[in-house]
Amino acid sequence: MIVASKPADINFFHIAALKGAVSLECMGMKRHGRPATVVAREEFGLPKSMKKEAVLTFLKAKVEEMIAARHAEVSE
């Protein structure tokens, strides 16, 4: 079991979950309420014209960036 108690950990898992939801939307899955793509665009200030695949690419890069920053933190 993983416990995310630090704000940085909570933020990481939030973005990772958002990435997963956008990935499923790209595959054709739908959900009730607001689409994850819309949530991601609003949270990160991305343009409304940005396609789902571009939002997914952005979120993948964001997650990788956060992982790299965490590894740099640990190795110091």
Protein backbone atom coordinates (compact mmCIF):
# COMPACT_ATOMS: atom_id res chain seq x y z
CA MET A 1 0.00 0.00 0.00
CA ILE A 2 1.27 3.46 -0.92
CA VAL A 3 0.46 6.45 1.24
CA ALA A 4 0.85 9.89 -0.26
CA SER A 5 0.95 12.31 2.65
CA LYS A 6 3.16 15.08 1.29
CA PRO A 7 1.62 17.74 -0.98
CA ALA A 8 4.16 16.95 -3.73
CA ASP A 9 3.21 13.26 -3.64
CA ILE A 10 -0.50 14.05 -3.73
CA ASN A 11 0.04 16.38 -6.70
CA PHE A 12 2.07 13.71 -8.52
CA PHE A 13 -0.64 11.08 -8.11
CA HIS A 14 -3.31 13.58 -9.17
CA ILE A 15 -1.45 14.33 -12.41
CA ALA A 16 -0.73 10.63 -13.00
CA ALA A 17 -4.44 9.79 -12.55
CA LEU A 18 -5.38 12.63 -14.89
CA LYS A 19 -2.92 11.26 -17.46
CA GLY A 20 -4.53 7.84 -17.18
CA ALA A 21 -8.02 9.28 -17.62
CA VAL A 22 -6.97 11.28 -20.70
CA SER A 23 -5.32 8.15 -22.09
CA LEU A 24 -8.59 6.24 -21.76
CA GLU A 25 -10.47 9.11 -23.41
CA CYS A 26 -8.05 8.92 -26.35
CA MET A 27 -8.98 5.24 -26.69
CA GLY A 28 -12.68 6.17 -26.87
CA MET A 29 -13.85 5.72 -23.31
CA LYS A 30 -16.29 8.27 -21.93
CA ARG A 31 -17.15 9.30 -18.39
CA HIS A 32 -19.94 11.11 -16.61
CA GLY A 33 -19.32 14.74 -15.83
CA ARG A 34 -16.55 16.83 -17.33
CA PRO A 35 -14.05 15.09 -19.57
CA ALA A 36 -10.54 14.67 -18.14
CA THR A 37 -9.14 16.47 -21.16
CA VAL A 38 -11.11 19.59 -20.24
CA VAL A 39 -9.96 19.36 -16.62
CA ALA A 40 -6.31 19.07 -17.72
CA ARG A 41 -6.61 22.00 -20.12
CA GLU A 42 -8.08 24.20 -17.39
CA GLU A 43 -5.57 23.15 -14.71
CA PHE A 44 -2.52 23.80 -16.86
CA GLY A 45 -3.85 26.74 -18.88
CA LEU A 46 -3.67 24.88 -22.18
CA PRO A 47 -5.59 26.23 -25.20
CA LYS A 48 -9.09 24.86 -25.79
CA SER A 49 -8.15 23.95 -29.35
CA MET A 50 -5.49 21.48 -28.14
CA LYS A 51 -6.36 17.91 -29.19
CA LYS A 52 -6.66 15.02 -26.72
CA GLU A 53 -3.46 13.41 -27.98
CA ALA A 54 -1.50 16.64 -27.46
CA VAL A 55 -2.88 16.97 -23.93
CA LEU A 56 -1.83 13.37 -23.25
CA THR A 57 1.68 14.08 -24.57
CA PHE A 58 1.88 17.15 -22.32
CA LEU A 59 0.79 15.14 -19.26
CA LYS A 60 3.26 12.34 -20.02
CA ALA A 61 6.07 14.89 -20.20
CA LYS A 62 4.88 16.49 -16.94
CA VAL A 63 4.89 13.12 -15.14
CA GLU A 64 8.37 12.29 -16.48
CA GLU A 65 9.60 15.71 -15.36
CA MET A 66 8.23 15.13 -11.86
CA ILE A 67 9.82 11.68 -11.68
CA ALA A 68 13.19 13.08 -12.77
CA ALA A 69 12.96 15.87 -10.18
CA ARG A 70 12.15 13.34 -7.47
CA HIS A 71 15.10 11.14 -8.43
CA ALA A 72 17.38 14.18 -8.37
CA GLU A 73 16.06 15.01 -4.89
CA VAL A 74 16.68 11.49 -3.60
CA SER A 75 20.20 11.20 -5.01
CA GLU A 76 21.36 14.46 -3.39
